[in-house]
PDB file of all heavy atoms in Angstrom:
ATOM      1  N   LEU A   1    -132.660-121.355 -41.761  1.00  0.00           N
ATOM      2  CA  LEU A   1    -131.715-120.833 -40.777  1.00  0.00           C
ATOM      3  C   LEU A   1    -130.617-119.997 -41.420  1.00  0.00           C
ATOM      4  O   LEU A   1    -130.108-119.056 -40.797  1.00  0.00           O
ATOM      5  CB  LEU A   1    -131.101-121.989 -39.987  1.00  0.00           C
ATOM      6  CG  LEU A   1    -132.070-122.712 -39.046  1.00  0.00           C
ATOM      7  CD1 LEU A   1    -131.447-123.983 -38.508  1.00  0.00           C
ATOM      8  CD2 LEU A   1    -132.488-121.800 -37.898  1.00  0.00           C
ATOM      9  N   LYS A   2    -130.246-120.310 -42.640  1.00  0.00           N
ATOM     10  CA  LYS A   2    -129.261-119.473 -43.323  1.00  0.00           C
ATOM     11  C   LYS A   2    -129.828-118.085 -43.590  1.00  0.00           C
ATOM     12  O   LYS A   2    -129.103-117.089 -43.539  1.00  0.00           O
ATOM     13  CB  LYS A   2    -128.827-120.134 -44.625  1.00  0.00           C
ATOM     14  CG  LYS A   2    -127.793-121.233 -44.449  1.00  0.00           C
ATOM     15  CD  LYS A   2    -127.291-121.719 -45.799  1.00  0.00           C
ATOM     16  CE  LYS A   2    -126.126-122.684 -45.635  1.00  0.00           C
ATOM     17  NZ  LYS A   2    -125.613-123.167 -46.942  1.00  0.00           N
ATOM     18  N   GLY A   3    -131.120-118.036 -43.887  1.00  0.00           N
ATOM     19  CA  GLY A   3    -131.765-116.740 -44.104  1.00  0.00           C
ATOM     20  C   GLY A   3    -131.917-115.951 -42.824  1.00  0.00           C
ATOM     21  O   GLY A   3    -131.736-114.731 -42.792  1.00  0.00           O
ATOM     22  N   ASP A   4    -132.258-116.668 -41.718  1.00  0.00           N
ATOM     23  CA  ASP A   4    -132.445-116.027 -40.410  1.00  0.00           C
ATOM     24  C   ASP A   4    -132.216-117.074 -39.329  1.00  0.00           C
ATOM     25  O   ASP A   4    -133.110-117.859 -39.029  1.00  0.00           O
ATOM     26  CB  ASP A   4    -133.850-115.443 -40.297  1.00  0.00           C
ATOM     27  CG  ASP A   4    -134.095-114.762 -38.953  1.00  0.00           C
ATOM     28  OD1 ASP A   4    -133.160-114.718 -38.111  1.00  0.00           O
ATOM     29  OD2 ASP A   4    -135.221-114.268 -38.726  1.00  0.00           O
ATOM     30  N   PRO A   5    -131.027-117.114 -38.726  1.00  0.00           N
ATOM     31  CA  PRO A   5    -130.712-118.145 -37.723  1.00  0.00           C
ATOM     32  C   PRO A   5    -131.625-118.147 -36.513  1.00  0.00           C
ATOM     33  O   PRO A   5    -131.715-119.153 -35.805  1.00  0.00           O
ATOM     34  CB  PRO A   5    -129.271-117.797 -37.315  1.00  0.00           C
ATOM     35  CG  PRO A   5    -128.719-117.034 -38.474  1.00  0.00           C
ATOM     36  CD  PRO A   5    -129.877-116.247 -39.005  1.00  0.00           C
ATOM     37  N   GLY A   6    -132.319-117.053 -36.275  1.00  0.00           N
ATOM     38  CA  GLY A   6    -133.215-116.986 -35.125  1.00  0.00           C
ATOM     39  C   GLY A   6    -134.656-117.269 -35.459  1.00  0.00           C
ATOM     40  O   GLY A   6    -135.544-117.099 -34.609  1.00  0.00           O
ATOM     41  N   SER A   7    -134.926-117.744 -36.688  1.00  0.00           N
ATOM     42  CA  SER A   7    -136.315-117.928 -37.125  1.00  0.00           C
ATOM     43  C   SER A   7    -136.905-119.266 -36.734  1.00  0.00           C
ATOM     44  O   SER A   7    -138.099-119.512 -36.953  1.00  0.00           O
ATOM     45  CB  SER A   7    -136.399-117.756 -38.649  1.00  0.00           C
ATOM     46  OG  SER A   7    -135.640-118.780 -39.301  1.00  0.00           O
ATOM     47  N   VAL A   8    -136.103-120.154 -36.176  1.00  0.00           N
ATOM     48  CA  VAL A   8    -136.563-121.486 -35.782  1.00  0.00           C
ATOM     49  C   VAL A   8    -136.227-121.708 -34.312  1.00  0.00           C
ATOM     50  O   VAL A   8    -135.112-121.410 -33.869  1.00  0.00           O
ATOM     51  CB  VAL A   8    -135.878-122.587 -36.628  1.00  0.00           C
ATOM     52  CG1 VAL A   8    -136.256-123.983 -36.128  1.00  0.00           C
ATOM     53  CG2 VAL A   8    -136.246-122.431 -38.098  1.00  0.00           C
ATOM     54  N   THR A   9    -137.178-122.235 -33.542  1.00  0.00           N
ATOM     55  CA  THR A   9    -136.917-122.555 -32.143  1.00  0.00           C
ATOM     56  C   THR A   9    -136.696-124.057 -31.996  1.00  0.00           C
ATOM     57  O   THR A   9    -137.489-124.863 -32.500  1.00  0.00           O
ATOM     58  CB  THR A   9    -138.079-122.128 -31.235  1.00  0.00           C
ATOM     59  OG1 THR A   9    -139.310-122.639 -31.764  1.00  0.00           O
ATOM     60  CG2 THR A   9    -138.166-120.616 -31.118  1.00  0.00           C
ATOM     61  N   PHE A  10    -135.596-124.411 -31.309  1.00  0.00           N
ATOM     62  CA  PHE A  10    -135.254-125.809 -31.063  1.00  0.00           C
ATOM     63  C   PHE A  10    -135.547-126.164 -29.608  1.00  0.00           C
ATOM     64  O   PHE A  10    -135.147-125.424 -28.689  1.00  0.00           O
ATOM     65  CB  PHE A  10    -133.766-126.045 -31.330  1.00  0.00           C
ATOM     66  CG  PHE A  10    -133.358-125.941 -32.769  1.00  0.00           C
ATOM     67  CD1 PHE A  10    -132.922-124.724 -33.285  1.00  0.00           C
ATOM     68  CD2 PHE A  10    -133.406-127.041 -33.608  1.00  0.00           C
ATOM     69  CE1 PHE A  10    -132.527-124.618 -34.620  1.00  0.00           C
ATOM     70  CE2 PHE A  10    -133.020-126.945 -34.935  1.00  0.00           C
ATOM     71  CZ  PHE A  10    -132.584-125.729 -35.445  1.00  0.00           C
ATOM     72  N   ALA A  11    -136.219-127.282 -29.391  1.00  0.00           N
ATOM     73  CA  ALA A  11    -136.469-127.779 -28.040  1.00  0.00           C
ATOM     74  C   ALA A  11    -135.423-128.828 -27.714  1.00  0.00           C
ATOM     75  O   ALA A  11    -135.247-129.793 -28.472  1.00  0.00           O
ATOM     76  CB  ALA A  11    -137.860-128.392 -27.939  1.00  0.00           C
ATOM     77  N   VAL A  12    -134.710-128.652 -26.595  1.00  0.00           N
ATOM     78  CA  VAL A  12    -133.688-129.607 -26.176  1.00  0.00           C
ATOM     79  C   VAL A  12    -133.858-129.933 -24.697  1.00  0.00           C
ATOM     80  O   VAL A  12    -134.435-129.172 -23.931  1.00  0.00           O
ATOM     81  CB  VAL A  12    -132.258-129.070 -26.421  1.00  0.00           C
ATOM     82  CG1 VAL A  12    -132.017-128.821 -27.895  1.00  0.00           C
ATOM     83  CG2 VAL A  12    -131.998-127.799 -25.612  1.00  0.00           C
ATOM     84  N   ALA A  13    -133.348-131.074 -24.308  1.00  0.00           N
ATOM     85  CA  ALA A  13    -133.308-131.464 -22.899  1.00  0.00           C
ATOM     86  C   ALA A  13    -131.926-132.058 -22.647  1.00  0.00           C
ATOM     87  O   ALA A  13    -131.319-132.652 -23.523  1.00  0.00           O
ATOM     88  CB  ALA A  13    -134.408-132.494 -22.598  1.00  0.00           C
ATOM     89  N   ALA A  14    -131.367-131.907 -21.466  1.00  0.00           N
ATOM     90  CA  ALA A  14    -131.964-131.248 -20.336  1.00  0.00           C
ATOM     91  C   ALA A  14    -131.259-129.929 -20.036  1.00  0.00           C
ATOM     92  O   ALA A  14    -131.559-129.257 -19.070  1.00  0.00           O
ATOM     93  CB  ALA A  14    -131.863-132.152 -19.106  1.00  0.00           C
ATOM     94  N   ALA A  15    -130.304-129.521 -20.896  1.00  0.00           N
ATOM     95  CA  ALA A  15    -129.578-128.278 -20.664  1.00  0.00           C
ATOM     96  C   ALA A  15    -128.852-127.859 -21.931  1.00  0.00           C
ATOM     97  O   ALA A  15    -128.570-128.686 -22.803  1.00  0.00           O
ATOM     98  CB  ALA A  15    -128.567-128.442 -19.523  1.00  0.00           C
ATOM     99  N   LEU A  16    -128.547-126.572 -22.026  1.00  0.00           N
ATOM    100  CA  LEU A  16    -127.658-126.123 -23.084  1.00  0.00           C
ATOM    101  C   LEU A  16    -126.278-126.718 -22.843  1.00  0.00           C
ATOM    102  O   LEU A  16    -125.835-126.849 -21.704  1.00  0.00           O
ATOM    103  CB  LEU A  16    -127.577-124.595 -23.097  1.00  0.00           C
ATOM    104  CG  LEU A  16    -128.842-123.842 -23.520  1.00  0.00           C
ATOM    105  CD1 LEU A  16    -128.591-122.341 -23.477  1.00  0.00           C
ATOM    106  CD2 LEU A  16    -129.322-124.269 -24.906  1.00  0.00           C
ATOM    107  N   GLY A  17    -125.623-127.078 -23.926  1.00  0.00           N
ATOM    108  CA  GLY A  17    -124.330-127.733 -23.791  1.00  0.00           C
ATOM    109  C   GLY A  17    -124.433-129.240 -23.700  1.00  0.00           C
ATOM    110  O   GLY A  17    -123.416-129.925 -23.672  1.00  0.00           O
ATOM    111  N   GLY A  18    -125.657-129.767 -23.663  1.00  0.00           N
ATOM    112  CA  GLY A  18    -125.861-131.208 -23.619  1.00  0.00           C
ATOM    113  C   GLY A  18    -125.822-131.811 -25.015  1.00  0.00           C
ATOM    114  O   GLY A  18    -125.593-131.124 -26.019  1.00  0.00           O
ATOM    115  N   ALA A  19    -126.081-133.113 -25.098  1.00  0.00           N
ATOM    116  CA  ALA A  19    -125.961-133.830 -26.369  1.00  0.00           C
ATOM    117  C   ALA A  19    -126.855-133.246 -27.459  1.00  0.00           C
ATOM    118  O   ALA A  19    -126.425-133.085 -28.612  1.00  0.00           O
ATOM    119  CB  ALA A  19    -126.294-135.307 -26.149  1.00  0.00           C
ATOM    120  N   ASN A  20    -128.106-132.934 -27.121  1.00  0.00           N
ATOM    121  CA  ASN A  20    -129.041-132.450 -28.131  1.00  0.00           C
ATOM    122  C   ASN A  20    -128.629-131.071 -28.659  1.00  0.00           C
ATOM    123  O   ASN A  20    -128.735-130.785 -29.854  1.00  0.00           O
ATOM    124  CB  ASN A  20    -130.451-132.404 -27.560  1.00  0.00           C
ATOM    125  CG  ASN A  20    -130.912-133.763 -27.071  1.00  0.00           C
ATOM    126  OD1 ASN A  20    -130.628-134.778 -27.683  1.00  0.00           O
ATOM    127  ND2 ASN A  20    -131.616-133.792 -25.958  1.00  0.00           N
ATOM    128  N   HIS A  21    -128.156-130.231 -27.764  1.00  0.00           N
ATOM    129  CA  HIS A  21    -127.677-128.910 -28.159  1.00  0.00           C
ATOM    130  C   HIS A  21    -126.433-129.028 -29.035  1.00  0.00           C
ATOM    131  O   HIS A  21    -126.319-128.388 -30.084  1.00  0.00           O
ATOM    132  CB  HIS A  21    -127.384-128.076 -26.906  1.00  0.00           C
ATOM    133  CG  HIS A  21    -126.919-126.688 -27.202  1.00  0.00           C
ATOM    134  ND1 HIS A  21    -126.120-125.982 -26.344  1.00  0.00           N
ATOM    135  CD2 HIS A  21    -127.117-125.878 -28.274  1.00  0.00           C
ATOM    136  CE1 HIS A  21    -125.857-124.794 -26.856  1.00  0.00           C
ATOM    137  NE2 HIS A  21    -126.451-124.712 -28.027  1.00  0.00           N
ATOM    138  N   ILE A  22    -125.482-129.860 -28.608  1.00  0.00           N
ATOM    139  CA  ILE A  22    -124.246-130.041 -29.370  1.00  0.00           C
ATOM    140  C   ILE A  22    -124.543-130.614 -30.754  1.00  0.00           C
ATOM    141  O   ILE A  22    -123.988-130.169 -31.761  1.00  0.00           O
ATOM    142  CB  ILE A  22    -123.263-130.947 -28.611  1.00  0.00           C
ATOM    143  CG1 ILE A  22    -122.744-130.221 -27.365  1.00  0.00           C
ATOM    144  CG2 ILE A  22    -122.096-131.349 -29.505  1.00  0.00           C
ATOM    145  CD1 ILE A  22    -121.876-131.084 -26.471  1.00  0.00           C
ATOM    146  N   ALA A  23    -125.433-131.622 -30.819  1.00  0.00           N
ATOM    147  CA  ALA A  23    -125.778-132.226 -32.104  1.00  0.00           C
ATOM    148  C   ALA A  23    -126.360-131.189 -33.064  1.00  0.00           C
ATOM    149  O   ALA A  23    -126.040-131.179 -34.263  1.00  0.00           O
ATOM    150  CB  ALA A  23    -126.781-133.356 -31.900  1.00  0.00           C
ATOM    151  N   THR A  24    -127.202-130.301 -32.549  1.00  0.00           N
ATOM    152  CA  THR A  24    -127.793-129.247 -33.375  1.00  0.00           C
ATOM    153  C   THR A  24    -126.735-128.258 -33.836  1.00  0.00           C
ATOM    154  O   THR A  24    -126.647-127.917 -35.029  1.00  0.00           O
ATOM    155  CB  THR A  24    -128.882-128.492 -32.584  1.00  0.00           C
ATOM    156  OG1 THR A  24    -129.823-129.417 -32.062  1.00  0.00           O
ATOM    157  CG2 THR A  24    -129.595-127.488 -33.473  1.00  0.00           C
ATOM    158  N   ALA A  25    -125.923-127.803 -32.893  1.00  0.00           N
ATOM    159  CA  ALA A  25    -124.912-126.805 -33.222  1.00  0.00           C
ATOM    160  C   ALA A  25    -123.898-127.328 -34.231  1.00  0.00           C
ATOM    161  O   ALA A  25    -123.519-126.620 -35.176  1.00  0.00           O
ATOM    162  CB  ALA A  25    -124.207-126.351 -31.940  1.00  0.00           C
ATOM    163  N   LEU A  26    -123.452-128.579 -34.064  1.00  0.00           N
ATOM    164  CA  LEU A  26    -122.474-129.140 -34.991  1.00  0.00           C
ATOM    165  C   LEU A  26    -123.056-129.297 -36.392  1.00  0.00           C
ATOM    166  O   LEU A  26    -122.377-129.023 -37.394  1.00  0.00           O
ATOM    167  CB  LEU A  26    -121.968-130.482 -34.467  1.00  0.00           C
ATOM    168  CG  LEU A  26    -121.072-130.426 -33.220  1.00  0.00           C
ATOM    169  CD1 LEU A  26    -120.665-131.837 -32.809  1.00  0.00           C
ATOM    170  CD2 LEU A  26    -119.836-129.574 -33.473  1.00  0.00           C
ATOM    171  N   ALA A  27    -124.317-129.736 -36.470  1.00  0.00           N
ATOM    172  CA  ALA A  27    -124.951-129.892 -37.786  1.00  0.00           C
ATOM    173  C   ALA A  27    -125.123-128.539 -38.468  1.00  0.00           C
ATOM    174  O   ALA A  27    -124.815-128.377 -39.661  1.00  0.00           O
ATOM    175  CB  ALA A  27    -126.301-130.590 -37.639  1.00  0.00           C
ATOM    176  N   MET A  28    -125.596-127.554 -37.721  1.00  0.00           N
ATOM    177  CA  MET A  28    -125.828-126.248 -38.328  1.00  0.00           C
ATOM    178  C   MET A  28    -124.523-125.530 -38.655  1.00  0.00           C
ATOM    179  O   MET A  28    -124.427-124.811 -39.648  1.00  0.00           O
ATOM    180  CB  MET A  28    -126.698-125.394 -37.406  1.00  0.00           C
ATOM    181  CG  MET A  28    -128.124-125.924 -37.247  1.00  0.00           C
ATOM    182  SD  MET A  28    -128.989-126.180 -38.819  1.00  0.00           S
ATOM    183  CE  MET A  28    -128.876-127.963 -39.014  1.00  0.00           C
ATOM    184  N   LYS A  29    -123.498-125.742 -37.848  1.00  0.00           N
ATOM    185  CA  LYS A  29    -122.183-125.167 -38.153  1.00  0.00           C
ATOM    186  C   LYS A  29    -121.652-125.758 -39.459  1.00  0.00           C
ATOM    187  O   LYS A  29    -121.123-125.042 -40.316  1.00  0.00           O
ATOM    188  CB  LYS A  29    -121.206-125.443 -37.017  1.00  0.00           C
ATOM    189  CG  LYS A  29    -119.799-124.879 -37.230  1.00  0.00           C
ATOM    190  CD  LYS A  29    -118.935-125.128 -36.010  1.00  0.00           C
ATOM    191  CE  LYS A  29    -117.556-124.495 -36.187  1.00  0.00           C
ATOM    192  NZ  LYS A  29    -116.761-125.132 -37.244  1.00  0.00           N
ATOM    193  N   ALA A  30    -121.805-127.082 -39.613  1.00  0.00           N
ATOM    194  CA  ALA A  30    -121.360-127.733 -40.841  1.00  0.00           C
ATOM    195  C   ALA A  30    -122.137-127.238 -42.054  1.00  0.00           C
ATOM    196  O   ALA A  30    -121.625-127.243 -43.181  1.00  0.00           O
ATOM    197  CB  ALA A  30    -121.504-129.249 -40.707  1.00  0.00           C
ATOM    198  N   ALA A  31    -123.393-126.802 -41.815  1.00  0.00           N
ATOM    199  CA  ALA A  31    -124.236-126.301 -42.906  1.00  0.00           C
ATOM    200  C   ALA A  31    -123.969-124.841 -43.224  1.00  0.00           C
ATOM    201  O   ALA A  31    -124.538-124.295 -44.180  1.00  0.00           O
ATOM    202  CB  ALA A  31    -125.707-126.498 -42.547  1.00  0.00           C
ATOM    203  N   GLY A  32    -123.128-124.192 -42.408  1.00  0.00           N
ATOM    204  CA  GLY A  32    -122.811-122.789 -42.658  1.00  0.00           C
ATOM    205  C   GLY A  32    -123.733-121.798 -41.987  1.00  0.00           C
ATOM    206  O   GLY A  32    -123.784-120.617 -42.367  1.00  0.00           O
ATOM    207  N   VAL A  33    -124.454-122.235 -40.945  1.00  0.00           N
ATOM    208  CA  VAL A  33    -125.363-121.358 -40.201  1.00  0.00           C
ATOM    209  C   VAL A  33    -124.607-120.704 -39.047  1.00  0.00           C
ATOM    210  O   VAL A  33    -123.717-121.321 -38.449  1.00  0.00           O
ATOM    211  CB  VAL A  33    -126.568-122.170 -39.662  1.00  0.00           C
ATOM    212  CG1 VAL A  33    -127.457-121.312 -38.774  1.00  0.00           C
ATOM    213  CG2 VAL A  33    -127.360-122.760 -40.821  1.00  0.00           C
TER     214      VAL A  33
END
């Protein structure tokens, strides 16, 4: 993802802004993505 943030597709339920989306975004933000 650092090389290309759009190179991986994440499947989440049940909406953007939900727990799964937030968990992904926070982890990747902490990783510098």
